[in-house]
Amino acid sequence: MDLLVREAREDELAEIGEVTAEVYDGEGLAGPEYVKVLRDARARWVSPATTLLVAMDDGTDDILGTVVLAEPGSPWQDLGDGAEVEFRMLATLPSARGRGVGETLVRACIERAREAGAPRLVLSTGPEMTAAHRLYERLGFVRVPERDWRPRPEMKELLRAYVLHLQG
């Protein structure tokens, strides 16, 4: 299968929101309030310094996955500091798993962060997302436990921070 990664189009925002919400809600990775945020792809699409990417099957144009790339100044940065670029909300449809969709999206984020001259690409992920952890480590991301964080006080577990050094 050939994958195409590109910036999202306005007419795809409802589908992108549903894909993202379906993945996080279906796997128990998000509570009801955050699922509402995930469903609102338009909020990410219109935000400054924020790029919403989609991975598509090049033959059918079906959206198989999505990710948010947040550059400095993006309201979607949680972990990014200074000139770092961050990616968030990586979602691959369950039916597309094992086909390289997530890796293709992460590689697109790496390339765009390099092109932007970012010193590092950062992300945070839940402790239960072990397949994602393996992917990030295989691509050169390093765990940075001192940057682990909790977005809400009621969360039991910290989100795990990963960093990929792009320069130096």
Protein backbone atom coordinates (compact mmCIF):
# COMPACT_ATOMS: atom_id res chain seq x y z
CA MET A 1 0.00 0.00 0.00
CA ASP A 2 1.29 3.43 -0.91
CA LEU A 3 0.73 6.11 1.72
CA LEU A 4 0.44 9.80 1.09
CA VAL A 5 0.92 12.31 3.91
CA ARG A 6 -0.31 15.84 3.38
CA GLU A 7 -1.90 18.75 5.16
CA ALA A 8 -5.58 18.32 5.94
CA ARG A 9 -8.21 20.07 3.84
CA GLU A 10 -11.19 21.86 5.29
CA ASP A 11 -13.66 19.39 3.82
CA GLU A 12 -11.94 16.57 5.77
CA LEU A 13 -12.11 18.11 9.25
CA ALA A 14 -15.23 16.27 10.42
CA GLU A 15 -13.76 12.92 9.34
CA ILE A 16 -10.38 13.72 10.94
CA GLY A 17 -12.09 14.63 14.20
CA GLU A 18 -14.07 11.40 14.17
CA VAL A 19 -10.98 9.29 13.40
CA THR A 20 -9.04 10.88 16.25
CA ALA A 21 -11.91 10.63 18.74
CA GLU A 22 -12.68 7.04 17.71
CA VAL A 23 -9.10 5.91 18.30
CA TYR A 24 -8.63 7.60 21.68
CA ASP A 25 -12.12 6.86 22.98
CA GLY A 26 -12.21 3.31 21.62
CA GLU A 27 -8.96 2.43 23.34
CA GLY A 28 -9.87 4.11 26.61
CA LEU A 29 -7.14 6.72 26.22
CA ALA A 30 -9.33 9.76 26.78
CA GLY A 31 -12.19 10.82 28.99
CA PRO A 32 -15.39 12.40 27.63
CA GLU A 33 -14.12 15.99 27.88
CA TYR A 34 -10.93 15.26 25.95
CA VAL A 35 -12.85 13.25 23.35
CA LYS A 36 -14.77 16.48 22.60
CA VAL A 37 -11.45 18.26 22.06
CA LEU A 38 -10.22 15.45 19.81
CA ARG A 39 -13.40 15.55 17.76
CA ASP A 40 -12.93 19.29 17.05
CA ALA A 41 -10.30 19.07 14.31
CA ARG A 42 -11.28 22.53 13.07
CA ALA A 43 -9.89 24.09 16.26
CA ARG A 44 -6.49 22.60 15.44
CA TRP A 45 -6.72 23.37 11.72
CA VAL A 46 -7.30 27.11 12.25
CA SER A 47 -4.70 27.56 15.01
CA PRO A 48 -1.52 29.50 14.31
CA ALA A 49 1.78 27.60 14.07
CA THR A 50 -0.19 24.33 13.92
CA THR A 51 -0.34 21.83 11.06
CA LEU A 52 -2.89 19.04 10.88
CA LEU A 53 -1.54 16.16 8.81
CA VAL A 54 -3.35 13.16 7.38
CA ALA A 55 -2.08 9.84 6.06
CA MET A 56 -4.09 8.47 3.20
CA ASP A 57 -4.17 5.38 1.07
CA ASP A 58 -2.83 6.80 -2.18
CA GLY A 59 -5.10 4.55 -4.22
CA THR A 60 -8.40 5.23 -2.48
CA ASP A 61 -7.88 8.58 -0.72
CA ASP A 62 -9.18 7.02 2.51
CA ILE A 63 -7.91 8.78 5.64
CA LEU A 64 -6.05 6.17 7.69
CA GLY A 65 -4.48 8.36 10.34
CA THR A 66 -3.75 11.87 11.51
CA VAL A 67 -1.39 13.89 13.70
CA VAL A 68 -1.01 17.47 14.91
CA LEU A 69 2.33 19.23 14.48
CA ALA A 70 2.68 22.18 16.85
CA GLU A 71 5.50 24.63 16.24
CA PRO A 72 6.59 27.37 18.67
CA GLY A 73 3.66 29.70 19.26
CA SER A 74 1.04 27.01 18.71
CA PRO A 75 -1.66 26.87 21.38
CA TRP A 76 -1.47 23.07 20.97
CA GLN A 77 2.02 22.79 22.45
CA ASP A 78 1.99 21.14 25.87
CA LEU A 79 5.54 19.90 26.21
CA GLY A 80 7.44 21.94 23.61
CA ASP A 81 9.82 24.53 24.99
CA GLY A 82 11.56 27.38 23.17
CA ALA A 83 12.23 26.44 19.55
CA GLU A 84 11.11 22.82 19.96
CA VAL A 85 8.40 21.39 17.73
CA GLU A 86 5.89 18.97 19.25
CA PHE A 87 3.56 16.42 17.77
CA ARG A 88 0.33 15.32 19.39
CA MET A 89 -2.85 13.37 18.87
CA LEU A 90 -1.29 10.71 16.66
CA ALA A 91 -4.12 8.40 15.64
CA THR A 92 -4.21 5.43 13.27
CA LEU A 93 -7.47 3.67 12.51
CA PRO A 94 -7.49 0.15 13.99
CA SER A 95 -8.19 -1.27 10.52
CA ALA A 96 -4.96 0.35 9.22
CA ARG A 97 -2.64 -0.81 12.02
CA GLY A 98 0.48 -2.69 11.03
CA ARG A 99 0.65 -0.96 7.66
CA GLY A 100 3.15 1.77 8.60
CA VAL A 101 0.63 4.59 8.95
CA GLY A 102 1.83 5.78 12.36
CA GLU A 103 5.48 5.55 11.37
CA THR A 104 4.83 7.45 8.15
CA LEU A 105 3.10 10.23 10.06
CA VAL A 106 5.90 10.44 12.64
CA ARG A 107 8.53 10.54 9.88
CA ALA A 108 6.60 13.40 8.24
CA CYS A 109 6.70 15.26 11.57
CA ILE A 110 10.45 14.67 11.84
CA GLU A 111 11.02 15.98 8.33
CA ARG A 112 8.89 19.08 8.88
CA ALA A 113 10.57 19.83 12.22
CA ARG A 114 13.99 19.54 10.55
CA GLU A 115 12.87 21.83 7.72
CA ALA A 116 11.69 24.35 10.33
CA GLY A 117 15.16 24.31 11.92
CA ALA A 118 13.89 22.98 15.25
CA PRO A 119 16.58 21.70 17.60
CA ARG A 120 14.29 18.96 18.91
CA LEU A 121 10.99 17.23 18.24
CA VAL A 122 9.10 16.32 21.40
CA LEU A 123 6.03 14.32 22.31
CA SER A 124 4.23 12.95 25.31
CA THR A 125 2.44 9.64 25.45
CA GLY A 126 0.49 7.54 27.91
CA PRO A 127 2.29 4.75 29.77
CA GLU A 128 -0.10 2.18 28.26
CA MET A 129 0.83 3.04 24.66
CA THR A 130 3.64 0.49 24.48
CA ALA A 131 3.49 -0.07 20.70
CA ALA A 132 3.92 3.67 20.20
CA HIS A 133 6.85 3.70 22.65
CA ARG A 134 8.60 1.03 20.55
CA LEU A 135 8.01 3.04 17.38
CA TYR A 136 9.39 6.25 18.90
CA GLU A 137 12.48 4.52 20.25
CA ARG A 138 13.12 2.77 16.93
CA LEU A 139 13.02 6.19 15.23
CA GLY A 140 15.58 7.62 17.65
CA PHE A 141 13.42 9.32 20.27
CA VAL A 142 14.79 9.12 23.80
CA ARG A 143 12.77 9.00 27.02
CA VAL A 144 13.20 12.10 29.15
CA PRO A 145 11.58 11.19 32.49
CA GLU A 146 12.37 14.59 34.02
CA ARG A 147 9.91 16.10 31.52
CA ASP A 148 7.07 13.65 32.30
CA TRP A 149 3.94 15.53 33.28
CA ARG A 150 0.31 15.30 34.33
CA PRO A 151 -2.15 17.45 32.32
CA ARG A 152 -4.82 17.21 35.01
CA PRO A 153 -4.34 16.73 38.76
CA GLU A 154 -6.80 13.84 38.86
CA MET A 155 -4.75 11.77 36.40
CA LYS A 156 -3.14 8.82 38.15
CA GLU A 157 -0.24 8.31 35.76
CA LEU A 158 2.18 10.81 34.29
CA LEU A 159 2.45 11.21 30.54
CA ARG A 160 5.86 10.07 29.32
CA ALA A 161 8.07 12.56 27.50
CA TYR A 162 10.21 11.67 24.49
CA VAL A 163 12.68 13.86 22.62
CA LEU A 164 14.38 13.48 19.24
CA HIS A 165 17.47 15.67 18.86
CA LEU A 166 17.50 17.08 15.33
CA GLN A 167 20.61 19.27 15.48
CA GLY A 168 24.03 18.90 17.05
